[in-house]
Structure formats: C-alpha cells, structure tokens
C-alpha cells in the first residue's frame, strides 16, 4: 500500500494532549470541530476507539502518562496522529487477499476496536512499535480523468 500525505506547506497541524482517561467527549469534540457534520458519527466512533486504545491499553490508564494527538485538515483529507507513552504492541491484524488490491480485515484477527479502525479510516499506519497511530480519511473521492479523450 502506498500512503501519500499532503505537502507539509499546505497543512496546518494542531496538537492536543490529555492525561490517560476514558472521558473523551471534549477531546472528540475538538478533534471533529472542522469536520463536516455528516461525517461526525462515523469518525467519532473511529477516533474514540483509537483514543481508548491509547489511554487504556497503551498507557494502562496511568494518570501520569499522556495521549497526544496531532491533527490536520488538508483539502478533502483529514489526518490524525495519536501517540501514547506505553510499551507498544504487535498488532495482530492479518490481511485477506481474496480481492487483489483490497485489504479486508477480520474482527476475529484483531479485535473489535482495531476492526472498527480499519473500517472507518482509509489509512491506518502503525509506527514507533505500536505506540503511534496515523489515521487518514478522504471525505470525497476525486473523479478520475477519462482514460480516453
């Protein structure tokens, strides 16, 4: 899979950090402030799963540890980078190659939370040994150019 990020010069990244907690309502409101209302329910579910994983599984709800989120809107693309201060993990999700070029993840391979991430977001990339999660969502799929003119 090839992941393309928008040019840095066109992105305005914002950052927020919070102590490990499961009270995420205000955090989610901030992260969705610039997102069109029609996408709120789906993205709230995905972001909540990612933040719960970072606070609960990554930081073990340790109030001395923080979860940080960098986020940006670039045209029709939304980006989030979620990092925790835990020990990381090996994500067990496997890819079903039944349909070439399409990756289908099964809930029994990776748990409900990770399964939701792969369904909600167009890009799910793990870094730093599982301590940093990059999420991307395209709000509109651009029309391709005609093959023949």
C-alpha atoms as a PDB file:
ATOM      1  CA  UNK A   1       0.000   0.000   0.000  1.00  0.00           C
ATOM      2  CA  UNK A   2       1.258   3.483  -0.823  1.00  0.00           C
ATOM      3  CA  UNK A   3       0.388   6.244   1.651  1.00  0.00           C
ATOM      4  CA  UNK A   4       0.509   9.774   0.314  1.00  0.00           C
ATOM      5  CA  UNK A   5       0.467  12.687   2.727  1.00  0.00           C
ATOM      6  CA  UNK A   6      -0.425  16.204   1.615  1.00  0.00           C
ATOM      7  CA  UNK A   7       2.514  18.590   1.231  1.00  0.00           C
ATOM      8  CA  UNK A   8       3.653  19.886   4.600  1.00  0.00           C
ATOM      9  CA  UNK A   9       3.463  23.502   3.431  1.00  0.00           C
ATOM     10  CA  UNK A  10      -0.291  23.177   2.852  1.00  0.00           C
ATOM     11  CA  UNK A  11      -1.035  21.528   6.182  1.00  0.00           C
ATOM     12  CA  UNK A  12      -1.744  23.325   9.413  1.00  0.00           C
ATOM     13  CA  UNK A  13      -1.253  20.788  12.191  1.00  0.00           C
ATOM     14  CA  UNK A  14      -2.822  21.321  15.579  1.00  0.00           C
ATOM     15  CA  UNK A  15      -1.857  19.356  18.660  1.00  0.00           C
ATOM     16  CA  UNK A  16      -3.606  18.446  21.863  1.00  0.00           C
ATOM     17  CA  UNK A  17      -2.589  16.275  24.785  1.00  0.00           C
ATOM     18  CA  UNK A  18      -4.565  14.849  27.661  1.00  0.00           C
ATOM     19  CA  UNK A  19      -3.944  12.589  30.628  1.00  0.00           C
ATOM     20  CA  UNK A  20      -4.953   8.973  30.226  1.00  0.00           C
ATOM     21  CA  UNK A  21      -8.699   8.931  30.756  1.00  0.00           C
ATOM     22  CA  UNK A  22     -11.767   7.406  29.179  1.00  0.00           C
ATOM     23  CA  UNK A  23     -13.703  10.674  29.471  1.00  0.00           C
ATOM     24  CA  UNK A  24     -13.187  11.600  25.820  1.00  0.00           C
ATOM     25  CA  UNK A  25     -16.254  13.676  24.946  1.00  0.00           C
ATOM     26  CA  UNK A  26     -14.482  17.089  24.995  1.00  0.00           C
ATOM     27  CA  UNK A  27     -11.427  15.694  23.195  1.00  0.00           C
ATOM     28  CA  UNK A  28     -13.584  14.204  20.423  1.00  0.00           C
ATOM     29  CA  UNK A  29     -15.498  17.495  20.085  1.00  0.00           C
ATOM     30  CA  UNK A  30     -12.209  19.334  19.496  1.00  0.00           C
ATOM     31  CA  UNK A  31     -10.936  16.743  17.017  1.00  0.00           C
ATOM     32  CA  UNK A  32     -14.158  16.916  14.999  1.00  0.00           C
ATOM     33  CA  UNK A  33     -14.598  20.702  15.082  1.00  0.00           C
ATOM     34  CA  UNK A  34     -13.519  21.202  11.454  1.00  0.00           C
ATOM     35  CA  UNK A  35     -15.130  18.016  10.129  1.00  0.00           C
ATOM     36  CA  UNK A  36     -18.403  18.253   8.170  1.00  0.00           C
ATOM     37  CA  UNK A  37     -21.356  17.252  10.352  1.00  0.00           C
ATOM     38  CA  UNK A  38     -22.350  14.377   8.047  1.00  0.00           C
ATOM     39  CA  UNK A  39     -19.072  12.576   8.952  1.00  0.00           C
ATOM     40  CA  UNK A  40     -19.217  13.147  12.737  1.00  0.00           C
ATOM     41  CA  UNK A  41     -20.866   9.876  13.823  1.00  0.00           C
ATOM     42  CA  UNK A  42     -18.556   7.599  11.837  1.00  0.00           C
ATOM     43  CA  UNK A  43     -15.352   9.461  12.647  1.00  0.00           C
ATOM     44  CA  UNK A  44     -16.317   9.889  16.319  1.00  0.00           C
ATOM     45  CA  UNK A  45     -16.630   6.095  16.581  1.00  0.00           C
ATOM     46  CA  UNK A  46     -13.246   5.516  14.942  1.00  0.00           C
ATOM     47  CA  UNK A  47     -11.414   8.209  16.887  1.00  0.00           C
ATOM     48  CA  UNK A  48     -12.971   7.067  20.153  1.00  0.00           C
ATOM     49  CA  UNK A  49     -11.688   3.532  19.554  1.00  0.00           C
ATOM     50  CA  UNK A  50      -8.194   4.839  18.768  1.00  0.00           C
ATOM     51  CA  UNK A  51      -8.110   7.109  21.835  1.00  0.00           C
ATOM     52  CA  UNK A  52      -9.464   4.414  24.162  1.00  0.00           C
ATOM     53  CA  UNK A  53      -6.787   2.020  22.873  1.00  0.00           C
ATOM     54  CA  UNK A  54      -4.067   4.611  23.541  1.00  0.00           C
ATOM     55  CA  UNK A  55      -5.278   5.535  27.040  1.00  0.00           C
ATOM     56  CA  UNK A  56      -6.430   2.120  28.257  1.00  0.00           C
ATOM     57  CA  UNK A  57      -4.166  -0.384  26.523  1.00  0.00           C
ATOM     58  CA  UNK A  58      -1.168   1.836  25.773  1.00  0.00           C
ATOM     59  CA  UNK A  59      -0.930   3.940  28.930  1.00  0.00           C
ATOM     60  CA  UNK A  60      -2.880   1.498  31.152  1.00  0.00           C
ATOM     61  CA  UNK A  61      -4.973   4.492  32.357  1.00  0.00           C
ATOM     62  CA  UNK A  62      -1.917   5.783  34.219  1.00  0.00           C
ATOM     63  CA  UNK A  63      -2.777   9.426  35.061  1.00  0.00           C
ATOM     64  CA  UNK A  64       0.909  10.367  34.891  1.00  0.00           C
ATOM     65  CA  UNK A  65       1.016   9.410  31.198  1.00  0.00           C
ATOM     66  CA  UNK A  66      -0.464  11.396  28.344  1.00  0.00           C
ATOM     67  CA  UNK A  67      -2.033  10.731  24.978  1.00  0.00           C
ATOM     68  CA  UNK A  68      -1.119  13.263  22.308  1.00  0.00           C
ATOM     69  CA  UNK A  69      -2.961  13.901  19.073  1.00  0.00           C
ATOM     70  CA  UNK A  70      -1.755  15.896  16.081  1.00  0.00           C
ATOM     71  CA  UNK A  71      -4.475  16.607  13.543  1.00  0.00           C
ATOM     72  CA  UNK A  72      -4.880  18.462  10.278  1.00  0.00           C
ATOM     73  CA  UNK A  73      -7.373  19.120   7.538  1.00  0.00           C
ATOM     74  CA  UNK A  74      -5.926  19.390   4.054  1.00  0.00           C
ATOM     75  CA  UNK A  75      -8.495  19.882   1.324  1.00  0.00           C
ATOM     76  CA  UNK A  76     -10.740  16.841   1.455  1.00  0.00           C
ATOM     77  CA  UNK A  77      -8.317  14.812   3.589  1.00  0.00           C
ATOM     78  CA  UNK A  78      -8.342  14.529   7.361  1.00  0.00           C
ATOM     79  CA  UNK A  79      -5.289  13.342   9.296  1.00  0.00           C
ATOM     80  CA  UNK A  80      -4.713  12.311  12.907  1.00  0.00           C
ATOM     81  CA  UNK A  81      -1.540  11.064  14.602  1.00  0.00           C
ATOM     82  CA  UNK A  82      -2.267   9.534  18.012  1.00  0.00           C
ATOM     83  CA  UNK A  83       0.617   8.649  20.335  1.00  0.00           C
ATOM     84  CA  UNK A  84       0.726   7.108  23.790  1.00  0.00           C
ATOM     85  CA  UNK A  85       3.537   6.578  26.294  1.00  0.00           C
ATOM     86  CA  UNK A  86       3.055   2.839  26.676  1.00  0.00           C
ATOM     87  CA  UNK A  87       5.307  -0.060  25.716  1.00  0.00           C
ATOM     88  CA  UNK A  88       3.757  -0.554  22.267  1.00  0.00           C
ATOM     89  CA  UNK A  89       2.282  -3.754  20.889  1.00  0.00           C
ATOM     90  CA  UNK A  90       2.360  -6.072  17.913  1.00  0.00           C
ATOM     91  CA  UNK A  91      -0.890  -5.559  16.068  1.00  0.00           C
ATOM     92  CA  UNK A  92      -2.174  -8.999  15.088  1.00  0.00           C
ATOM     93  CA  UNK A  93      -4.406  -7.996  12.173  1.00  0.00           C
ATOM     94  CA  UNK A  94      -3.891 -10.036   9.056  1.00  0.00           C
ATOM     95  CA  UNK A  95      -4.924  -9.188   5.544  1.00  0.00           C
ATOM     96  CA  UNK A  96      -7.234 -11.383   3.473  1.00  0.00           C
ATOM     97  CA  UNK A  97      -6.020 -11.236  -0.133  1.00  0.00           C
ATOM     98  CA  UNK A  98      -9.260 -12.609  -1.579  1.00  0.00           C
ATOM     99  CA  UNK A  99      -9.619  -9.427  -3.621  1.00  0.00           C
ATOM    100  CA  UNK A 100      -6.247  -8.241  -5.017  1.00  0.00           C
ATOM    101  CA  UNK A 101      -5.555  -4.597  -4.232  1.00  0.00           C
ATOM    102  CA  UNK A 102      -8.162  -4.580  -1.459  1.00  0.00           C
ATOM    103  CA  UNK A 103      -7.346  -5.426   2.131  1.00  0.00           C
ATOM    104  CA  UNK A 104     -10.100  -6.949   4.233  1.00  0.00           C
ATOM    105  CA  UNK A 105      -9.526  -7.307   7.966  1.00  0.00           C
ATOM    106  CA  UNK A 106     -11.470  -9.769  10.052  1.00  0.00           C
ATOM    107  CA  UNK A 107     -12.707  -8.925  13.556  1.00  0.00           C
ATOM    108  CA  UNK A 108     -11.589 -12.292  14.931  1.00  0.00           C
ATOM    109  CA  UNK A 109      -7.987 -11.489  13.928  1.00  0.00           C
ATOM    110  CA  UNK A 110      -7.660  -8.086  15.545  1.00  0.00           C
ATOM    111  CA  UNK A 111     -10.483  -7.364  17.983  1.00  0.00           C
ATOM    112  CA  UNK A 112     -13.491  -5.121  17.635  1.00  0.00           C
ATOM    113  CA  UNK A 113     -11.667  -1.812  18.217  1.00  0.00           C
ATOM    114  CA  UNK A 114      -8.954  -2.390  15.626  1.00  0.00           C
ATOM    115  CA  UNK A 115     -11.504  -3.821  13.210  1.00  0.00           C
ATOM    116  CA  UNK A 116     -13.510  -0.579  13.502  1.00  0.00           C
ATOM    117  CA  UNK A 117     -10.373   1.488  12.773  1.00  0.00           C
ATOM    118  CA  UNK A 118      -9.763  -0.386   9.544  1.00  0.00           C
ATOM    119  CA  UNK A 119     -13.403   0.065   8.512  1.00  0.00           C
ATOM    120  CA  UNK A 120     -13.715   3.779   9.328  1.00  0.00           C
ATOM    121  CA  UNK A 121     -10.377   5.127   8.086  1.00  0.00           C
ATOM    122  CA  UNK A 122      -8.810   4.956   4.639  1.00  0.00           C
ATOM    123  CA  UNK A 123      -5.293   4.838   6.088  1.00  0.00           C
ATOM    124  CA  UNK A 124      -4.245   3.093   9.295  1.00  0.00           C
ATOM    125  CA  UNK A 125      -0.483   3.102   9.809  1.00  0.00           C
ATOM    126  CA  UNK A 126       1.326   1.999  12.973  1.00  0.00           C
ATOM    127  CA  UNK A 127       4.715   3.480  13.943  1.00  0.00           C
ATOM    128  CA  UNK A 128       7.026   3.514  16.956  1.00  0.00           C
ATOM    129  CA  UNK A 129       6.419  -0.154  17.751  1.00  0.00           C
ATOM    130  CA  UNK A 130       2.677   0.309  18.063  1.00  0.00           C
ATOM    131  CA  UNK A 131       2.845   3.473  20.184  1.00  0.00           C
ATOM    132  CA  UNK A 132       1.913   5.845  17.366  1.00  0.00           C
ATOM    133  CA  UNK A 133      -1.083   5.532  15.063  1.00  0.00           C
ATOM    134  CA  UNK A 134      -1.561   7.520  11.854  1.00  0.00           C
ATOM    135  CA  UNK A 135      -5.145   7.750  10.625  1.00  0.00           C
ATOM    136  CA  UNK A 136      -6.308   9.260   7.350  1.00  0.00           C
ATOM    137  CA  UNK A 137      -9.752   9.813   5.899  1.00  0.00           C
ATOM    138  CA  UNK A 138     -10.675  11.076   2.430  1.00  0.00           C
ATOM    139  CA  UNK A 139     -14.005  12.883   2.592  1.00  0.00           C
ATOM    140  CA  UNK A 140     -14.510  12.945  -1.150  1.00  0.00           C
ATOM    141  CA  UNK A 141     -13.081  10.606  -3.721  1.00  0.00           C
ATOM    142  CA  UNK A 142     -11.864  12.724  -6.628  1.00  0.00           C
ATOM    143  CA  UNK A 143     -13.197  11.718 -10.023  1.00  0.00           C
ATOM    144  CA  UNK A 144     -10.586  10.124 -12.172  1.00  0.00           C
ATOM    145  CA  UNK A 145      -9.667  11.511 -15.550  1.00  0.00           C
ATOM    146  CA  UNK A 146     -11.116   9.723 -18.562  1.00  0.00           C
ATOM    147  CA  UNK A 147      -8.859   7.008 -19.930  1.00  0.00           C
ATOM    148  CA  UNK A 148      -9.676   8.043 -23.493  1.00  0.00           C
ATOM    149  CA  UNK A 149     -10.240  11.641 -24.562  1.00  0.00           C
END
